[in-house]
Amino acid sequence: MLTRSEGVFDLPKLEQQIAELEIEASDPELWADAGRAHTVMQTLSRQSGDLAGWKALNDQLETTGELIALTDSDDAAMLDELAGEVKHITQLLDEREITMLLGGPYDDRPAFVQVLAGAGGVDSQDWAQMLERMYLRWAEQQGWKTSIVDEMSGEEAGIKSATIEIRGQFAYGYAKAEAGVHRLVRLSPFDQAHRRHTSFARVEVMPEVDDTVDLEINPDDLRVDVYRAGGHGGQGVNTTDSAVRLTHLPTGLVVTCQNERSQIQNRETAMKVLRGRLLERQLQEQREERLKLRGEYREAAWGNQIRSYVLHPYNMVKDHRTAVETSNTQAVLDGDITLFVEAYLRQEVEEA
């Protein structure tokens, strides 16, 4: 039922692309170029998954079509079965729709999610830690792997910053929806008078990029500092100068990593984060230029939060970009943010 046509429904074209990738992957000379081999295998895996998804939908449509032809309008049991088939098709269509939304050049990459406490002292640092927990829970629900690359604790509570590495299918494609300022309104647990406080935290999301991406970093533009790590990494992590701080002098970007015991491993991870931040900066500049041309550009300042989490005097989480909201604040803080992410992705495609 899904036949040759223009676009994503062209299954023969997709099958041909996969066949060509399989031929390329079987060429021994490919593996002399590790970067190219990685890109080919990653693309092959993604397109094979796409093909399996479209074939499953095609098979379901054919089965349901046959069932419709056999169904008598007076047969209640058959009508119930048909309703179940239609529900299954709807689920498969939803899955295909989300896959179509994740068509960006880096959407299939792992992601680095950085949470930074904003103005508001200990309340904002506590809020940053709540967001860190939310993203770790969300990634766990998706079946993704996470690791805390770097974390700086607050003086009294919470964190000043944290960087999380998320590895999973389309991790960056999904996580990029969370980039921006997040605002919390609640009765402060750190205020003796128990007054209402507003706290802010910024979330930055970067794709993990390898040497196949055209992004040059001049070694002379880097300042490398090493220091004694603490916190994550086990008891031995803070016995040597294993933590690494990279400063990219032309942009002023600073990246730290202290998750691994080895200084070499920390430097490699820090370089991945730095490359991701530089690439994300380029992508953000492109997005802002498009918005300026459309007259819709707004500076990513503290007053321009993308989402508000209100815990007092009522319960509500609202995304200001899509107007999607829910009163189940606890579920959101426990990682149930998919409704916001998918709404953002759909809006991005519509606006594009």
Foldseek 3Di string as FASTA:
>chain_A
DLDDDPDDSRLVVLVVVLVVLVVVLPDPVQVVDVVSNVVSVLVNVLSVVSSVLSVVLVVLVVVLVVLVVVDDPVDPVSVVVSVVSVVVNVVSVVVNVVVVLQPDPQQFFKKKKKKAWDPDAPQSQQVSQLVVLQAVLQLVVVVWDKDWFDWAAHPPGHTRMTIMITDDGSNLSLCQLQFAKEKEWAQDPPDPVSHIDITIMGMDMFGQDDPVDPDDQDPVQKDKDFAADDDAADPQLRPDRQKIWIARNVVRDIFIGRRYSHNVVSVVVRVRVVSRVVVVVVVVVVVQVVCVVVVNHDDRDNVPGQWYAYPPPAGKIAGPVQRDMDRPSVVSSSHPCNVSSSSSSVVVVVVD
